[in-house]
């Protein structure tokens, strides 16, 4: 048997074979592919991209890495999103996916990513130090719970012409992915990515104020009475009106909504109508801080806005292998990567033990900085 080739980046001439591998692993169906067309369409990104292990000239294990930035109150959070993780059934049980994931982590660090975000929760990811994190209030809306504000707002299906207005509304959010208008245009024109979903625009006097995108939740292929909101932005008053209208227009028995903990306006509006939910981590995802000093260096404006100069003096953030530390002078809090990820990115109360220090000063710093605001992957879901 020939030795495995990789881990390494996918080659253009392997793209069609990688597509077949992904289809086989996720749908169980190979399907037909035109190799020449796929090779022509493949472009290798400057960072990230598809990484493989091959055998006998064919990809047998595959991972996609997609670099993004999230704006956190004006500071950049550099993310390597991981998706499309699969191994050919004939090659499973040999540790190929673990080798490939480790390679992707090291490569992402070298390409300046600070946080790894994975669309999935499985042993492969948790063994690599990834954890469920961030804090959301998960609300389930049902008919009759939200009051329809008749005449104040108009809720209509979005079209490709709404790409630019949606981009403007989204970029005004205090916590958002850094995107171009083309991301929204692709979403509206390539419905195969969300074949069982809808897009909604909320207007007042013809002016777009908000939007929300819905889809059928995973695992509900035959259920037509359930939707979840994958992304929303804009006026929270308009959004509440849109949710009531979506429930009515689609004749839903429930509409699910994950609200980041810092979105106090939307949570307050929901509570005014008697609605509250469960505190949960980011659904269907795991994550891991892979470069803690780099992360905090990028968040310097965020840190400066929240800490006085007296507390910033001598403050350092360190990492050695899987140990991360917050240091100020002789005071030090050191945690493993999983615990530091949950401290920094957040976890609902009661699901983890609070980090305990012997320093009132470090306690004050940690309380001022963490957890970071939570975010929804939405259109950046990979």
Protein backbone atom coordinates (compact mmCIF):
# COMPACT_ATOMS: atom_id res chain seq x y z
CA UNK A 1 0.00 0.00 0.00
CA UNK A 2 1.31 3.41 -0.94
CA UNK A 3 1.89 5.93 1.84
CA UNK A 4 -0.63 8.68 2.43
CA UNK A 5 0.04 12.01 0.74
CA UNK A 6 -0.51 14.93 3.10
CA UNK A 7 -1.83 16.70 5.03
CA UNK A 8 -1.53 19.44 2.42
CA UNK A 9 -3.65 21.94 0.42
CA UNK A 10 -6.02 20.56 -2.19
CA UNK A 11 -4.79 20.75 -5.79
CA UNK A 12 -6.91 22.10 -8.61
CA UNK A 13 -6.99 18.76 -10.41
CA UNK A 14 -8.36 17.12 -7.21
CA UNK A 15 -11.33 19.46 -6.77
CA UNK A 16 -13.90 17.27 -8.53
CA UNK A 17 -12.76 14.22 -6.55
CA UNK A 18 -13.08 16.26 -3.32
CA UNK A 19 -16.64 17.23 -4.28
CA UNK A 20 -17.49 13.57 -4.81
CA UNK A 21 -15.95 12.66 -1.45
CA UNK A 22 -17.98 15.32 0.34
CA UNK A 23 -21.21 14.21 -1.34
CA UNK A 24 -20.54 10.59 -0.46
CA UNK A 25 -19.86 11.38 3.21
CA UNK A 26 -22.69 13.84 3.80
CA UNK A 27 -25.45 12.47 1.57
CA UNK A 28 -24.33 8.92 0.80
CA UNK A 29 -24.71 9.66 -2.92
CA UNK A 30 -21.83 10.18 -5.31
CA UNK A 31 -23.74 11.87 -8.13
CA UNK A 32 -22.30 12.96 -11.44
CA UNK A 33 -19.53 15.55 -11.73
CA UNK A 34 -17.88 17.12 -14.74
CA UNK A 35 -14.23 17.13 -13.70
CA UNK A 36 -13.23 19.77 -16.24
CA UNK A 37 -15.94 22.19 -15.06
CA UNK A 38 -15.02 21.73 -11.41
CA UNK A 39 -11.32 22.23 -12.10
CA UNK A 40 -12.08 25.45 -13.99
CA UNK A 41 -14.23 26.78 -11.12
CA UNK A 42 -11.69 26.08 -8.37
CA UNK A 43 -9.67 29.01 -7.06
CA UNK A 44 -7.10 28.56 -4.33
CA UNK A 45 -7.48 31.26 -1.63
CA UNK A 46 -4.55 33.17 -0.18
CA UNK A 47 -5.40 31.79 3.26
CA UNK A 48 -7.32 28.74 4.35
CA UNK A 49 -8.99 26.70 1.62
CA UNK A 50 -9.49 22.96 1.36
CA UNK A 51 -6.89 20.72 2.99
CA UNK A 52 -6.58 17.00 2.24
CA UNK A 53 -4.91 13.71 2.87
CA UNK A 54 -4.75 11.67 -0.34
CA UNK A 55 -4.09 8.03 -1.14
CA UNK A 56 -3.33 6.57 -4.56
CA UNK A 57 -3.92 9.98 -6.10
CA UNK A 58 -7.40 10.48 -4.57
CA UNK A 59 -8.45 12.67 -1.60
CA UNK A 60 -9.63 10.42 1.24
CA UNK A 61 -9.88 12.95 4.09
CA UNK A 62 -11.01 16.56 3.67
CA UNK A 63 -11.37 19.75 5.74
CA UNK A 64 -12.36 23.24 4.59
CA UNK A 65 -10.85 26.29 6.32
CA UNK A 66 -12.48 29.70 5.77
CA UNK A 67 -10.94 32.85 7.23
CA UNK A 68 -13.26 35.60 8.47
CA UNK A 69 -13.22 38.62 10.75
CA UNK A 70 -15.81 39.63 13.30
CA UNK A 71 -15.96 43.28 14.28
CA UNK A 72 -16.32 43.45 18.08
CA UNK A 73 -17.22 47.05 18.90
CA UNK A 74 -14.66 48.16 16.31
CA UNK A 75 -11.94 45.60 17.16
CA UNK A 76 -11.18 42.68 14.82
CA UNK A 77 -11.61 39.05 15.88
CA UNK A 78 -9.81 36.86 13.33
CA UNK A 79 -11.54 33.50 12.90
CA UNK A 80 -10.69 30.30 11.06
CA UNK A 81 -14.03 28.58 10.44
CA UNK A 82 -13.81 24.83 9.93
CA UNK A 83 -16.37 22.88 7.90
CA UNK A 84 -16.85 20.05 5.43
CA UNK A 85 -14.89 17.65 7.65
CA UNK A 86 -15.12 14.16 6.17
CA UNK A 87 -13.19 10.94 5.58
CA UNK A 88 -13.97 8.23 3.04
CA UNK A 89 -15.74 5.29 4.75
CA UNK A 90 -12.98 2.89 3.65
CA UNK A 91 -10.32 4.98 5.43
CA UNK A 92 -11.98 5.74 8.74
CA UNK A 93 -10.51 4.61 12.04
CA UNK A 94 -6.93 5.41 11.00
CA UNK A 95 -6.68 8.84 12.63
CA UNK A 96 -6.62 10.71 9.30
CA UNK A 97 -9.15 13.37 10.32
CA UNK A 98 -7.26 14.03 13.57
CA UNK A 99 -3.99 14.45 11.68
CA UNK A 100 -5.64 16.73 9.17
CA UNK A 101 -7.36 18.84 11.84
CA UNK A 102 -4.08 19.29 13.73
CA UNK A 103 -2.46 20.42 10.49
CA UNK A 104 -5.31 22.89 9.87
CA UNK A 105 -4.92 24.33 13.38
CA UNK A 106 -1.18 24.89 12.94
CA UNK A 107 -1.70 26.35 9.48
CA UNK A 108 -4.48 28.67 10.72
CA UNK A 109 -2.22 29.99 13.49
CA UNK A 110 0.48 30.71 10.91
CA UNK A 111 -2.14 32.52 8.81
CA UNK A 112 -2.99 34.86 11.72
CA UNK A 113 -6.24 33.29 12.93
CA UNK A 114 -6.94 33.75 16.65
CA UNK A 115 -10.07 31.65 17.14
CA UNK A 116 -11.08 28.37 15.52
CA UNK A 117 -14.84 27.96 14.99
CA UNK A 118 -16.16 24.54 13.97
CA UNK A 119 -19.65 23.83 12.69
CA UNK A 120 -20.15 20.62 14.64
CA UNK A 121 -19.93 18.92 18.03
CA UNK A 122 -18.17 15.55 17.99
CA UNK A 123 -15.32 13.74 19.66
CA UNK A 124 -12.86 14.67 16.92
CA UNK A 125 -13.25 18.33 17.86
CA UNK A 126 -13.38 18.02 21.64
CA UNK A 127 -10.27 15.83 21.63
CA UNK A 128 -8.51 18.69 19.85
CA UNK A 129 -9.45 21.06 22.70
CA UNK A 130 -12.59 22.61 21.20
CA UNK A 131 -15.51 23.38 23.53
CA UNK A 132 -19.05 24.67 23.37
CA UNK A 133 -18.93 28.35 24.25
CA UNK A 134 -20.61 31.76 23.98
CA UNK A 135 -23.89 32.61 25.66
CA UNK A 136 -27.28 32.90 24.00
CA UNK A 137 -30.87 32.97 25.12
CA UNK A 138 -32.68 30.39 23.04
CA UNK A 139 -36.32 31.40 22.65
CA UNK A 140 -39.07 29.35 21.04
CA UNK A 141 -41.90 31.51 19.67
CA UNK A 142 -45.39 30.12 19.06
CA UNK A 143 -48.55 31.53 17.44
CA UNK A 144 -50.32 34.14 19.52
CA UNK A 145 -47.34 34.95 21.77
CA UNK A 146 -46.24 38.04 19.85
CA UNK A 147 -48.56 40.95 19.15
CA UNK A 148 -48.81 42.02 15.51
CA UNK A 149 -48.16 45.76 15.23
CA UNK A 150 -50.51 46.35 12.31
CA UNK A 151 -49.79 49.36 10.15
CA UNK A 152 -46.44 50.27 11.73
CA UNK A 153 -44.22 47.95 9.67
CA UNK A 154 -44.36 46.05 6.40
CA UNK A 155 -42.77 42.59 6.29
CA UNK A 156 -42.06 41.17 2.85
CA UNK A 157 -39.85 38.48 1.26
CA UNK A 158 -36.38 39.77 0.38
CA UNK A 159 -35.04 39.69 -3.18
CA UNK A 160 -31.65 40.08 -4.83
CA UNK A 161 -32.30 43.83 -4.97
CA UNK A 162 -32.12 43.90 -1.16
CA UNK A 163 -28.47 42.81 -0.98
CA UNK A 164 -27.10 46.34 -0.54
CA UNK A 165 -29.70 47.48 2.04
CA UNK A 166 -29.14 44.30 4.05
CA UNK A 167 -25.38 44.86 3.96
CA UNK A 168 -25.80 48.40 5.28
CA UNK A 169 -28.13 47.26 8.05
CA UNK A 170 -25.78 44.43 9.02
CA UNK A 171 -22.61 46.53 9.08
CA UNK A 172 -24.27 48.90 11.56
CA UNK A 173 -24.47 46.08 14.12
CA UNK A 174 -21.94 46.54 16.96
CA UNK A 175 -20.87 42.89 16.59
CA UNK A 176 -20.80 41.58 13.01
CA UNK A 177 -18.78 39.64 10.47
CA UNK A 178 -16.78 41.83 8.11
CA UNK A 179 -18.51 41.15 4.77
CA UNK A 180 -18.90 42.61 1.34
CA UNK A 181 -22.26 43.18 -0.31
CA UNK A 182 -21.44 40.19 -2.53
CA UNK A 183 -21.99 37.86 0.46
CA UNK A 184 -25.63 38.94 0.59
CA UNK A 185 -25.95 38.85 -3.20
CA UNK A 186 -24.67 35.27 -3.22
CA UNK A 187 -27.17 34.32 -0.54
CA UNK A 188 -30.12 35.70 -2.48
CA UNK A 189 -29.07 34.22 -5.82
CA UNK A 190 -27.68 30.84 -4.67
CA UNK A 191 -30.62 29.39 -2.84
CA UNK A 192 -29.14 25.89 -2.94
CA UNK A 193 -27.14 26.82 0.18
CA UNK A 194 -30.39 27.28 2.17
CA UNK A 195 -32.99 25.44 0.06
CA UNK A 196 -35.54 25.29 2.87
CA UNK A 197 -35.39 28.84 4.14
CA UNK A 198 -36.84 32.29 3.69
CA UNK A 199 -35.51 35.85 3.76
CA UNK A 200 -37.52 38.75 5.17
CA UNK A 201 -37.19 42.54 5.01
CA UNK A 202 -38.96 44.85 7.47
CA UNK A 203 -39.81 48.33 6.17
CA UNK A 204 -41.52 51.48 7.37
CA UNK A 205 -42.74 53.95 4.73
CA UNK A 206 -40.66 52.04 2.17
CA UNK A 207 -37.42 52.34 4.16
CA UNK A 208 -35.66 49.06 5.13
CA UNK A 209 -35.20 48.94 8.90
CA UNK A 210 -34.33 45.31 9.61
CA UNK A 211 -34.10 41.82 8.17
CA UNK A 212 -34.21 38.23 9.35
CA UNK A 213 -33.27 35.01 7.55
CA UNK A 214 -34.97 31.74 8.48
CA UNK A 215 -34.40 28.10 7.66
CA UNK A 216 -35.63 24.64 8.52
CA UNK A 217 -33.56 23.38 11.49
CA UNK A 218 -31.18 20.50 10.92
CA UNK A 219 -32.89 17.18 11.50
CA UNK A 220 -36.33 18.46 10.45
CA UNK A 221 -36.27 17.49 6.78
CA UNK A 222 -39.96 16.52 6.73
CA UNK A 223 -41.24 19.10 9.20
CA UNK A 224 -42.86 22.14 7.63
CA UNK A 225 -44.19 23.80 10.80
CA UNK A 226 -40.82 24.75 12.32
CA UNK A 227 -38.22 27.38 11.42
CA UNK A 228 -35.19 28.92 13.12
CA UNK A 229 -33.70 32.37 12.61
CA UNK A 230 -30.14 31.99 11.33
CA UNK A 231 -29.40 35.73 11.22
CA UNK A 232 -31.05 39.05 11.99
CA UNK A 233 -30.04 42.72 12.06
CA UNK A 234 -31.52 46.18 12.36
CA UNK A 235 -34.18 47.84 14.48
CA UNK A 236 -35.17 45.51 17.32
CA UNK A 237 -38.71 46.91 17.41
CA UNK A 238 -39.07 46.14 13.70
CA UNK A 239 -37.57 42.67 14.22
CA UNK A 240 -40.14 41.72 16.84
CA UNK A 241 -42.85 42.75 14.40
CA UNK A 242 -41.23 40.66 11.66
CA UNK A 243 -41.10 37.56 13.85
CA UNK A 244 -44.82 37.79 14.53
CA UNK A 245 -45.51 38.17 10.81
CA UNK A 246 -43.24 35.25 9.85
CA UNK A 247 -45.10 32.99 12.25
CA UNK A 248 -48.39 34.01 10.66
CA UNK A 249 -47.33 33.98 7.00
CA UNK A 250 -45.66 30.55 7.17
CA UNK A 251 -48.34 29.10 9.45
CA UNK A 252 -45.65 27.91 11.84
CA UNK A 253 -46.21 26.11 15.11
CA UNK A 254 -42.83 27.36 16.36
CA UNK A 255 -40.05 29.75 15.39
CA UNK A 256 -36.71 29.40 17.19
CA UNK A 257 -34.42 32.31 17.88
CA UNK A 258 -30.95 32.44 19.49
CA UNK A 259 -30.29 35.91 20.95
CA UNK A 260 -26.71 36.86 22.01
CA UNK A 261 -26.51 37.74 25.69
CA UNK A 262 -25.46 41.33 24.97
CA UNK A 263 -28.53 42.04 22.79
CA UNK A 264 -30.38 43.53 25.74
CA UNK A 265 -32.79 45.56 23.61
CA UNK A 266 -34.22 42.51 21.83
CA UNK A 267 -34.32 40.48 25.05
CA UNK A 268 -36.15 43.32 26.81
CA UNK A 269 -38.73 43.60 24.02
CA UNK A 270 -39.37 39.86 24.14
CA UNK A 271 -39.75 39.94 27.91
CA UNK A 272 -42.32 42.75 27.58
CA UNK A 273 -44.46 40.18 25.79
CA UNK A 274 -43.81 37.52 28.43
CA UNK A 275 -41.15 35.63 26.47
CA UNK A 276 -37.92 34.25 27.89
CA UNK A 277 -35.75 31.32 26.90
CA UNK A 278 -33.01 28.95 27.99
CA UNK A 279 -29.39 30.03 28.31
CA UNK A 280 -27.26 27.90 25.97
CA UNK A 281 -23.89 27.98 24.14
CA UNK A 282 -23.73 28.69 20.40
CA UNK A 283 -25.89 25.93 18.86
CA UNK A 284 -24.23 23.25 16.71
CA UNK A 285 -20.71 24.69 17.11
CA UNK A 286 -17.51 24.24 19.07
CA UNK A 287 -14.57 26.63 19.29
CA UNK A 288 -11.06 27.07 20.62
CA UNK A 289 -8.74 30.04 21.09
CA UNK A 290 -5.63 29.11 19.11
CA UNK A 291 -3.60 32.32 19.61
CA UNK A 292 -4.49 34.03 22.88
CA UNK A 293 -1.79 36.77 22.83
CA UNK A 294 -2.66 37.58 19.21
CA UNK A 295 -6.36 37.70 20.03
CA UNK A 296 -5.88 40.19 22.83
CA UNK A 297 -3.47 42.27 20.75
CA UNK A 298 -6.14 42.60 18.06
CA UNK A 299 -8.67 43.55 20.74
CA UNK A 300 -6.49 46.36 22.10
CA UNK A 301 -9.10 49.07 21.31
CA UNK A 302 -11.72 46.98 23.12
CA UNK A 303 -9.40 46.57 26.13
CA UNK A 304 -8.53 50.28 26.21
CA UNK A 305 -12.22 51.22 26.16
CA UNK A 306 -12.98 49.02 29.17
CA UNK A 307 -9.97 49.32 31.43
CA UNK A 308 -8.39 52.46 32.89
CA UNK A 309 -4.69 52.98 32.29
CA UNK A 310 -3.93 51.94 35.88
CA UNK A 311 -5.31 48.43 35.24
CA UNK A 312 -3.76 48.10 31.78
CA UNK A 313 -0.29 48.87 33.12
CA UNK A 314 1.74 45.64 33.17
CA UNK A 315 -1.15 43.57 31.79
CA UNK A 316 -0.04 40.68 29.54
CA UNK A 317 -1.67 37.72 27.83
CA UNK A 318 0.51 34.64 27.34
CA UNK A 319 0.28 31.20 25.80
CA UNK A 320 2.57 28.19 25.83
CA UNK A 321 1.24 25.15 24.00
CA UNK A 322 -2.18 24.50 25.58
CA UNK A 323 -1.67 26.78 28.61
CA UNK A 324 -2.97 30.34 28.50
CA UNK A 325 -2.41 33.02 31.12
CA UNK A 326 -3.60 36.49 32.09
CA UNK A 327 -0.73 38.23 33.87
CA UNK A 328 -0.33 41.56 35.64
CA UNK A 329 2.92 42.02 37.49
CA UNK A 330 3.25 39.09 39.88
CA UNK A 331 -0.43 38.22 39.62
CA UNK A 332 -1.31 35.39 37.27
CA UNK A 333 -4.32 33.31 36.17
CA UNK A 334 -3.28 30.27 34.12
CA UNK A 335 -5.78 27.91 32.50
CA UNK A 336 -5.76 25.22 29.85
CA UNK A 337 -6.99 26.19 26.40
CA UNK A 338 -10.52 24.87 26.89
CA UNK A 339 -11.05 26.71 30.18
CA UNK A 340 -9.59 29.96 28.82
CA UNK A 341 -11.79 29.72 25.73
CA UNK A 342 -14.88 29.45 27.92
CA UNK A 343 -13.74 32.28 30.16
CA UNK A 344 -13.04 34.62 27.23
CA UNK A 345 -15.83 33.61 24.85
CA UNK A 346 -18.45 32.97 27.52
CA UNK A 347 -20.56 30.10 28.74
CA UNK A 348 -24.03 30.21 30.34
CA UNK A 349 -24.02 30.46 34.11
CA UNK A 350 -24.18 27.10 35.85
CA UNK A 351 -22.55 25.19 32.98
CA UNK A 352 -18.98 25.73 34.14
CA UNK A 353 -17.03 26.66 37.23
CA UNK A 354 -16.08 30.32 37.39
CA UNK A 355 -12.35 30.97 37.22
CA UNK A 356 -11.10 31.78 40.71
CA UNK A 357 -8.10 34.00 41.35
CA UNK A 358 -6.44 35.21 44.52
CA UNK A 359 -6.16 38.71 43.06
CA UNK A 360 -8.97 41.28 43.35
CA UNK A 361 -7.24 43.24 40.57
CA UNK A 362 -7.31 40.31 38.12
CA UNK A 363 -10.92 39.65 39.09
CA UNK A 364 -11.77 43.24 38.19
CA UNK A 365 -9.94 42.98 34.84
CA UNK A 366 -11.63 39.70 33.93
CA UNK A 367 -15.08 41.01 34.85
CA UNK A 368 -14.55 44.11 32.69
CA UNK A 369 -13.29 42.27 29.60
CA UNK A 370 -14.98 38.88 29.51
CA UNK A 371 -17.00 37.28 28.19
CA UNK A 372 -16.65 38.81 24.76
CA UNK A 373 -19.91 39.57 22.94
CA UNK A 374 -21.45 36.50 21.32
CA UNK A 375 -22.12 36.34 17.58
CA UNK A 376 -24.22 34.29 15.16
CA UNK A 377 -22.39 32.71 12.18
CA UNK A 378 -25.45 33.29 9.98
CA UNK A 379 -24.39 33.70 6.35
CA UNK A 380 -20.82 32.87 7.39
CA UNK A 381 -21.89 29.41 8.53
CA UNK A 382 -19.49 26.85 7.04
